[in-house]
Amino acid sequence: MKKKTGNVFDAILQIPLKIMPDAKMDDKGWWSFTGPHGKSRLKFNENKSLGILDHQYIDEESSWNVPMNVVASGDFSEVVFTLNKPDELSDVQFDQRVTEIGEMIITMKNIIESDA
């Protein structure tokens, strides 16, 4: 991303508000919103000094634990994450989700890079 690591890190923590109109955070740090697969929840387990943005994502069909890091790359940043197939999803469902997540990542990148 064409932003410094700390700025990308902070922007990702606020992205639910920008891409999910009904996103709300509770006092325990869980975002709740309506996602593509129904009622959804998201919680970041972050450590800014290490660039860690691991998170849990739960919807009506599956539960994901996603390791995620923001890494400096010169004046820019790289965001690295790993998607492991939840047991409750078939291979076809997982492939569909990966496509959806890819589209969301492009949207997220565009929002973060366009913010002043």
C-alpha atoms as a PDB file:
ATOM      1  CA  MET A   1       0.000   0.000   0.000  1.00  0.00           C
ATOM      2  CA  LYS A   2       1.166   3.497  -0.720  1.00  0.00           C
ATOM      3  CA  LYS A   3       1.083   4.508   2.945  1.00  0.00           C
ATOM      4  CA  LYS A   4       3.463   4.217   5.876  1.00  0.00           C
ATOM      5  CA  THR A   5       3.059   1.145   8.080  1.00  0.00           C
ATOM      6  CA  GLY A   6       1.599   2.913  11.135  1.00  0.00           C
ATOM      7  CA  ASN A   7      -0.967   4.720   8.973  1.00  0.00           C
ATOM      8  CA  VAL A   8      -2.035   1.475   7.261  1.00  0.00           C
ATOM      9  CA  PHE A   9      -2.282  -0.277  10.628  1.00  0.00           C
ATOM     10  CA  ASP A  10      -4.549   2.442  12.070  1.00  0.00           C
ATOM     11  CA  ALA A  11      -6.648   2.614   8.894  1.00  0.00           C
ATOM     12  CA  ILE A  12      -7.303  -1.137   8.901  1.00  0.00           C
ATOM     13  CA  LEU A  13      -8.580  -0.955  12.483  1.00  0.00           C
ATOM     14  CA  GLN A  14     -11.195   1.575  11.303  1.00  0.00           C
ATOM     15  CA  ILE A  15     -12.082  -0.084   7.983  1.00  0.00           C
ATOM     16  CA  PRO A  16     -15.295  -1.762   9.271  1.00  0.00           C
ATOM     17  CA  LEU A  17     -16.873   1.702   9.562  1.00  0.00           C
ATOM     18  CA  LYS A  18     -15.980   2.474   5.957  1.00  0.00           C
ATOM     19  CA  ILE A  19     -17.092  -0.722   4.238  1.00  0.00           C
ATOM     20  CA  MET A  20     -19.976  -1.938   6.417  1.00  0.00           C
ATOM     21  CA  PRO A  21     -22.655   0.718   6.913  1.00  0.00           C
ATOM     22  CA  ASP A  22     -24.128  -0.889  10.045  1.00  0.00           C
ATOM     23  CA  ALA A  23     -20.791  -1.656  11.782  1.00  0.00           C
ATOM     24  CA  LYS A  24     -20.765  -1.036  15.522  1.00  0.00           C
ATOM     25  CA  MET A  25     -18.119  -1.892  18.118  1.00  0.00           C
ATOM     26  CA  ASP A  26     -19.041  -3.166  21.578  1.00  0.00           C
ATOM     27  CA  ASP A  27     -17.113  -2.526  24.805  1.00  0.00           C
ATOM     28  CA  LYS A  28     -15.140  -5.777  24.357  1.00  0.00           C
ATOM     29  CA  GLY A  29     -13.729  -4.733  20.962  1.00  0.00           C
ATOM     30  CA  TRP A  30     -16.034  -6.832  18.763  1.00  0.00           C
ATOM     31  CA  TRP A  31     -17.362  -5.228  15.591  1.00  0.00           C
ATOM     32  CA  SER A  32     -20.850  -6.429  14.620  1.00  0.00           C
ATOM     33  CA  PHE A  33     -22.411  -5.887  11.190  1.00  0.00           C
ATOM     34  CA  THR A  34     -24.333  -7.554   8.400  1.00  0.00           C
ATOM     35  CA  GLY A  35     -21.909  -9.277   6.049  1.00  0.00           C
ATOM     36  CA  PRO A  36     -22.349 -11.243   2.843  1.00  0.00           C
ATOM     37  CA  HIS A  37     -23.213 -14.345   4.887  1.00  0.00           C
ATOM     38  CA  GLY A  38     -25.541 -12.811   7.471  1.00  0.00           C
ATOM     39  CA  LYS A  39     -24.875 -11.463  10.933  1.00  0.00           C
ATOM     40  CA  SER A  40     -21.138 -11.144  11.417  1.00  0.00           C
ATOM     41  CA  ARG A  41     -18.608 -10.287  14.108  1.00  0.00           C
ATOM     42  CA  LEU A  42     -14.960  -9.256  13.869  1.00  0.00           C
ATOM     43  CA  LYS A  43     -12.340  -8.687  16.549  1.00  0.00           C
ATOM     44  CA  PHE A  44      -8.760  -7.568  16.021  1.00  0.00           C
ATOM     45  CA  ASN A  45      -6.046  -8.863  18.359  1.00  0.00           C
ATOM     46  CA  GLU A  46      -3.538  -6.165  17.531  1.00  0.00           C
ATOM     47  CA  ASN A  47      -0.025  -5.195  18.518  1.00  0.00           C
ATOM     48  CA  LYS A  48       0.962  -2.031  16.659  1.00  0.00           C
ATOM     49  CA  SER A  49       4.673  -2.106  17.556  1.00  0.00           C
ATOM     50  CA  LEU A  50       4.944  -5.556  15.936  1.00  0.00           C
ATOM     51  CA  GLY A  51       2.501  -4.829  13.086  1.00  0.00           C
ATOM     52  CA  ILE A  52       0.189  -7.655  14.191  1.00  0.00           C
ATOM     53  CA  LEU A  53      -3.467  -7.394  13.157  1.00  0.00           C
ATOM     54  CA  ASP A  54      -4.568 -10.984  13.728  1.00  0.00           C
ATOM     55  CA  HIS A  55      -8.329 -11.242  13.900  1.00  0.00           C
ATOM     56  CA  GLN A  56     -11.313 -13.467  14.435  1.00  0.00           C
ATOM     57  CA  TYR A  57     -14.226 -13.347  12.014  1.00  0.00           C
ATOM     58  CA  ILE A  58     -17.495 -15.145  12.693  1.00  0.00           C
ATOM     59  CA  ASP A  59     -20.604 -15.208  10.508  1.00  0.00           C
ATOM     60  CA  GLU A  60     -23.679 -17.420  10.315  1.00  0.00           C
ATOM     61  CA  GLU A  61     -21.830 -20.070   8.290  1.00  0.00           C
ATOM     62  CA  SER A  62     -18.236 -20.133   9.521  1.00  0.00           C
ATOM     63  CA  SER A  63     -15.586 -18.992  11.973  1.00  0.00           C
ATOM     64  CA  TRP A  64     -12.109 -17.834  10.912  1.00  0.00           C
ATOM     65  CA  ASN A  65      -8.877 -17.105  12.786  1.00  0.00           C
ATOM     66  CA  VAL A  66      -6.790 -14.952  10.456  1.00  0.00           C
ATOM     67  CA  PRO A  67      -3.111 -14.171  11.093  1.00  0.00           C
ATOM     68  CA  MET A  68      -2.374 -10.741   9.600  1.00  0.00           C
ATOM     69  CA  ASN A  69       0.642  -8.418   9.631  1.00  0.00           C
ATOM     70  CA  VAL A  70       1.461  -4.959   8.305  1.00  0.00           C
ATOM     71  CA  VAL A  71       5.102  -4.878   7.221  1.00  0.00           C
ATOM     72  CA  ALA A  72       7.222  -1.873   6.208  1.00  0.00           C
ATOM     73  CA  SER A  73       8.499  -1.911   2.639  1.00  0.00           C
ATOM     74  CA  GLY A  74      10.524   1.267   2.199  1.00  0.00           C
ATOM     75  CA  ASP A  75       8.108   4.202   2.293  1.00  0.00           C
ATOM     76  CA  PHE A  76       5.177   1.861   1.688  1.00  0.00           C
ATOM     77  CA  SER A  77       3.566  -1.104   3.443  1.00  0.00           C
ATOM     78  CA  GLU A  78       2.729  -4.690   2.677  1.00  0.00           C
ATOM     79  CA  VAL A  79      -0.230  -6.415   4.307  1.00  0.00           C
ATOM     80  CA  VAL A  80       0.250 -10.155   4.714  1.00  0.00           C
ATOM     81  CA  PHE A  81      -2.457 -12.537   5.879  1.00  0.00           C
ATOM     82  CA  THR A  82      -3.171 -16.251   5.825  1.00  0.00           C
ATOM     83  CA  LEU A  83      -6.544 -17.846   5.124  1.00  0.00           C
ATOM     84  CA  ASN A  84      -7.061 -21.335   6.502  1.00  0.00           C
ATOM     85  CA  LYS A  85     -10.227 -23.163   5.432  1.00  0.00           C
ATOM     86  CA  PRO A  86     -12.701 -23.442   8.299  1.00  0.00           C
ATOM     87  CA  ASP A  87     -13.789 -27.055   8.819  1.00  0.00           C
ATOM     88  CA  GLU A  88     -17.446 -26.146   8.312  1.00  0.00           C
ATOM     89  CA  LEU A  89     -16.892 -24.930   4.734  1.00  0.00           C
ATOM     90  CA  SER A  90     -16.591 -27.175   1.699  1.00  0.00           C
ATOM     91  CA  ASP A  91     -13.722 -26.609  -0.738  1.00  0.00           C
ATOM     92  CA  VAL A  92     -16.154 -24.899  -3.142  1.00  0.00           C
ATOM     93  CA  GLN A  93     -17.476 -22.607  -0.387  1.00  0.00           C
ATOM     94  CA  PHE A  94     -13.910 -21.777   0.673  1.00  0.00           C
ATOM     95  CA  ASP A  95     -12.939 -20.918  -2.912  1.00  0.00           C
ATOM     96  CA  GLN A  96     -15.992 -18.618  -3.141  1.00  0.00           C
ATOM     97  CA  ARG A  97     -15.029 -16.934   0.128  1.00  0.00           C
ATOM     98  CA  VAL A  98     -11.448 -16.401  -1.048  1.00  0.00           C
ATOM     99  CA  THR A  99     -12.807 -14.636  -4.152  1.00  0.00           C
ATOM    100  CA  GLU A 100     -15.095 -12.456  -1.973  1.00  0.00           C
ATOM    101  CA  ILE A 101     -12.238 -11.655   0.401  1.00  0.00           C
ATOM    102  CA  GLY A 102     -10.004 -10.725  -2.546  1.00  0.00           C
ATOM    103  CA  GLU A 103     -12.618  -8.236  -3.751  1.00  0.00           C
ATOM    104  CA  MET A 104     -12.949  -6.801  -0.234  1.00  0.00           C
ATOM    105  CA  ILE A 105      -9.159  -6.427   0.037  1.00  0.00           C
ATOM    106  CA  ILE A 106      -9.081  -4.407  -3.195  1.00  0.00           C
ATOM    107  CA  THR A 107     -11.862  -2.166  -1.843  1.00  0.00           C
ATOM    108  CA  MET A 108     -10.021  -1.785   1.459  1.00  0.00           C
ATOM    109  CA  LYS A 109      -6.733  -0.933  -0.311  1.00  0.00           C
ATOM    110  CA  ASN A 110      -8.460   1.696  -2.475  1.00  0.00           C
ATOM    111  CA  ILE A 111     -10.106   3.312   0.566  1.00  0.00           C
ATOM    112  CA  ILE A 112      -6.880   3.392   2.584  1.00  0.00           C
ATOM    113  CA  GLU A 113      -4.790   4.776  -0.275  1.00  0.00           C
ATOM    114  CA  SER A 114      -7.372   7.449  -1.143  1.00  0.00           C
ATOM    115  CA  ASP A 115      -7.703   8.741   2.443  1.00  0.00           C
ATOM    116  CA  ALA A 116      -5.658  11.853   3.105  1.00  0.00           C
END
